[in-house]
């Protein structure tokens, strides 16, 4: 499957839902930057504020294993699917620390493509 086909499928699932790729202003719903991040043609951001823009909408599910802890990288209600864009400044120091530690694995293991497309191989 080509990356653009995956995006088309996720976009269709996202219509009226906003939990797959996020809302209309989510970076995951934009092309081609979201695909470039997932395929590795663009490196993931390292600055916490830029990483925050990618992680905040949609948030990984609370039950997802994040490496350093179980749950999403922030101490928010498990039903929360996104956090407002201006709230990075409002994050508590422990949340900022979890965000920094979760960042290196986010694009490889927790992006919306990985979370919503089942990988399988055929022999």
Foldseek 3Di string as FASTA:
>chain_A
DDLVVLLVVQVVVCVVPQLQQHDPPQPSNDPDVVVCPLVVVDDFDQDLLSLLSNCFGQHFAQQPDQPVGGGTLAPDDRVRGGDDSVCPVVGDPSSSVSSNVSRVCCSVQPHSSNVPDDDDDDD
